[in-house]
């Protein structure tokens, strides 16, 4: 009987909060965030957020300079996959991206780069595997920022050199474009 009464009061409290507007934030926030393209409401923990540097950061800024940092990994990598939101479809191309060894500042040779705008993905196949323990930097030059301000999530995955390689999630960049 006690459990039934408790459930009744919790349900009543929830309905009251929703009807009086106290719960309106919980109801309206997801709807409003869904309309703001590129806004990240939920996602992986803070540990997976990677560092980045952006020169301008204003909507529609042309000739942008964006640096995305990937910390050293514990496996060698043969490919890098960069996933990007739809807002970057017409702006982010493989020819704008250079991949560097962050320690030596030497460019890592890419054998093949393929862009699939329908899935929002660029894959970079390295000419030689990048050894484990090497931090990487993706240097993107000549980029045009999305026209809407917001937070845009780009994700990185690496393909290892093991016998049956699978893409490993490295982390995400939450790139902020604001006025």
Protein backbone atom coordinates (compact mmCIF):
# COMPACT_ATOMS: atom_id res chain seq x y z
CA UNK A 1 0.00 0.00 0.00
CA UNK A 2 2.83 2.38 0.85
CA UNK A 3 4.52 1.84 -2.55
CA UNK A 4 1.27 2.46 -4.40
CA UNK A 5 0.71 5.72 -2.52
CA UNK A 6 4.28 6.82 -3.19
CA UNK A 7 3.93 6.16 -6.95
CA UNK A 8 0.65 8.07 -6.98
CA UNK A 9 2.21 11.14 -5.34
CA UNK A 10 5.25 11.05 -7.63
CA UNK A 11 2.98 10.89 -10.66
CA UNK A 12 0.84 13.71 -9.28
CA UNK A 13 3.94 15.81 -8.58
CA UNK A 14 5.23 15.27 -12.11
CA UNK A 15 1.89 16.20 -13.69
CA UNK A 16 1.59 19.28 -11.48
CA UNK A 17 5.10 20.45 -12.34
CA UNK A 18 4.42 19.96 -16.04
CA UNK A 19 1.07 21.77 -15.98
CA UNK A 20 2.34 24.72 -13.93
CA UNK A 21 5.30 25.34 -16.18
CA UNK A 22 8.01 24.23 -13.76
CA UNK A 23 8.56 21.17 -15.92
CA UNK A 24 8.30 23.19 -19.14
CA UNK A 25 12.07 23.39 -19.40
CA UNK A 26 12.31 19.61 -19.40
CA UNK A 27 9.66 19.37 -22.10
CA UNK A 28 10.68 22.31 -24.32
CA UNK A 29 14.47 22.03 -24.13
CA UNK A 30 14.81 18.92 -26.32
CA UNK A 31 12.38 20.35 -28.89
CA UNK A 32 14.19 23.66 -29.04
CA UNK A 33 17.60 22.02 -29.21
CA UNK A 34 16.46 19.79 -32.06
CA UNK A 35 15.74 22.92 -34.09
CA UNK A 36 19.24 24.34 -33.46
CA UNK A 37 21.31 22.37 -35.94
CA UNK A 38 24.57 21.12 -34.51
CA UNK A 39 23.68 21.73 -30.86
CA UNK A 40 24.81 18.90 -28.60
CA UNK A 41 22.49 18.27 -25.67
CA UNK A 42 23.80 14.88 -24.60
CA UNK A 43 26.95 13.01 -25.49
CA UNK A 44 29.89 11.02 -24.23
CA UNK A 45 31.62 12.10 -21.05
CA UNK A 46 34.09 14.93 -20.75
CA UNK A 47 37.02 12.51 -21.03
CA UNK A 48 36.27 12.02 -24.73
CA UNK A 49 36.29 15.75 -25.55
CA UNK A 50 39.38 16.66 -27.55
CA UNK A 51 41.13 20.01 -27.82
CA UNK A 52 40.90 22.33 -30.78
CA UNK A 53 41.90 25.81 -31.87
CA UNK A 54 39.90 28.04 -34.22
CA UNK A 55 41.07 31.36 -35.62
CA UNK A 56 37.76 33.15 -36.08
CA UNK A 57 34.73 31.19 -34.87
CA UNK A 58 32.07 33.49 -36.37
CA UNK A 59 29.22 32.16 -38.53
CA UNK A 60 29.97 32.09 -42.28
CA UNK A 61 33.58 33.20 -41.75
CA UNK A 62 35.63 32.26 -44.82
CA UNK A 63 39.24 31.20 -44.94
CA UNK A 64 38.95 29.73 -41.44
CA UNK A 65 41.89 28.01 -39.79
CA UNK A 66 40.90 25.09 -37.54
CA UNK A 67 43.31 22.82 -35.65
CA UNK A 68 41.99 19.57 -34.18
CA UNK A 69 44.22 17.71 -31.71
CA UNK A 70 44.29 13.94 -31.14
CA UNK A 71 46.30 12.75 -28.14
CA UNK A 72 48.76 9.86 -28.44
CA UNK A 73 47.02 6.48 -28.72
CA UNK A 74 48.16 3.09 -27.45
CA UNK A 75 47.85 1.43 -30.89
CA UNK A 76 49.35 2.10 -34.30
CA UNK A 77 46.87 3.42 -36.87
CA UNK A 78 46.43 2.82 -40.60
CA UNK A 79 43.38 5.05 -41.12
CA UNK A 80 41.69 8.05 -39.57
CA UNK A 81 37.98 8.73 -39.91
CA UNK A 82 36.62 12.23 -39.31
CA UNK A 83 32.84 12.42 -38.86
CA UNK A 84 31.24 15.83 -39.23
CA UNK A 85 27.71 17.28 -38.99
CA UNK A 86 25.57 18.15 -41.98
CA UNK A 87 26.30 21.87 -41.56
CA UNK A 88 29.86 21.21 -42.81
CA UNK A 89 28.77 19.16 -45.88
CA UNK A 90 29.54 21.76 -48.52
CA UNK A 91 32.56 23.20 -46.72
CA UNK A 92 34.71 20.35 -45.37
CA UNK A 93 36.75 18.57 -48.04
CA UNK A 94 39.80 16.27 -47.79
CA UNK A 95 41.99 18.68 -49.77
CA UNK A 96 41.65 21.26 -46.95
CA UNK A 97 43.00 18.85 -44.30
CA UNK A 98 46.63 18.17 -43.45
CA UNK A 99 47.55 15.62 -40.79
CA UNK A 100 50.66 16.33 -38.75
CA UNK A 101 52.72 14.61 -36.09
CA UNK A 102 52.16 17.05 -33.24
CA UNK A 103 55.64 16.51 -31.74
CA UNK A 104 57.77 16.85 -34.88
CA UNK A 105 55.37 19.04 -36.91
CA UNK A 106 56.04 16.77 -39.91
CA UNK A 107 53.16 15.99 -42.23
CA UNK A 108 51.92 12.42 -42.25
CA UNK A 109 51.57 11.17 -45.80
CA UNK A 110 48.06 10.17 -46.79
CA UNK A 111 47.75 7.53 -49.49
CA UNK A 112 44.05 8.07 -50.10
CA UNK A 113 41.38 10.42 -48.76
CA UNK A 114 37.70 9.76 -49.42
CA UNK A 115 34.78 12.01 -48.56
CA UNK A 116 31.23 10.73 -48.17
CA UNK A 117 28.95 13.76 -47.66
CA UNK A 118 25.87 11.53 -47.35
CA UNK A 119 27.23 10.07 -44.09
CA UNK A 120 29.31 13.12 -43.10
CA UNK A 121 32.59 11.22 -43.08
CA UNK A 122 36.11 11.67 -44.43
CA UNK A 123 38.51 8.72 -44.32
CA UNK A 124 42.25 9.18 -44.54
CA UNK A 125 44.31 6.06 -45.36
CA UNK A 126 47.93 6.61 -44.29
CA UNK A 127 50.80 5.67 -46.63
CA UNK A 128 52.53 4.05 -43.62
CA UNK A 129 51.00 3.15 -40.25
CA UNK A 130 51.30 5.89 -37.64
CA UNK A 131 53.11 4.34 -34.64
CA UNK A 132 51.45 4.22 -31.26
CA UNK A 133 52.31 7.09 -28.91
CA UNK A 134 52.23 9.74 -31.66
CA UNK A 135 49.88 12.69 -31.03
CA UNK A 136 48.22 13.96 -34.21
CA UNK A 137 46.97 17.32 -35.39
CA UNK A 138 44.44 17.86 -38.15
CA UNK A 139 45.09 21.26 -39.67
CA UNK A 140 42.17 22.50 -41.74
CA UNK A 141 42.75 25.67 -43.77
CA UNK A 142 40.44 27.58 -46.10
CA UNK A 143 37.32 26.32 -44.32
CA UNK A 144 34.03 28.23 -44.31
CA UNK A 145 32.18 28.11 -40.99
CA UNK A 146 28.51 27.05 -40.88
CA UNK A 147 26.08 29.95 -41.23
CA UNK A 148 24.27 29.27 -37.95
CA UNK A 149 25.87 29.81 -34.56
CA UNK A 150 25.98 26.76 -32.35
CA UNK A 151 28.09 23.91 -31.11
CA UNK A 152 29.12 21.42 -33.77
CA UNK A 153 30.37 17.95 -32.93
CA UNK A 154 33.13 16.39 -35.01
CA UNK A 155 34.31 12.89 -34.10
CA UNK A 156 37.53 10.97 -34.68
CA UNK A 157 38.03 7.24 -35.04
CA UNK A 158 41.24 5.34 -35.81
CA UNK A 159 41.68 2.00 -37.56
CA UNK A 160 44.39 -0.06 -35.89
CA UNK A 161 46.93 -2.49 -37.30
CA UNK A 162 45.75 -5.62 -35.43
CA UNK A 163 44.83 -8.81 -37.27
CA UNK A 164 41.11 -7.96 -37.31
CA UNK A 165 41.10 -4.17 -37.13
CA UNK A 166 38.06 -2.19 -36.06
CA UNK A 167 37.63 1.55 -35.92
CA UNK A 168 38.27 2.75 -32.37
CA UNK A 169 36.49 5.84 -31.08
CA UNK A 170 39.12 8.43 -30.11
CA UNK A 171 36.93 11.35 -29.07
CA UNK A 172 35.01 14.40 -30.18
CA UNK A 173 35.57 18.08 -30.74
CA UNK A 174 32.76 20.41 -29.75
CA UNK A 175 33.50 23.33 -32.06
CA UNK A 176 31.69 26.49 -31.03
CA UNK A 177 30.58 28.96 -33.71
CA UNK A 178 29.22 32.16 -32.16
CA UNK A 179 28.53 35.77 -33.08
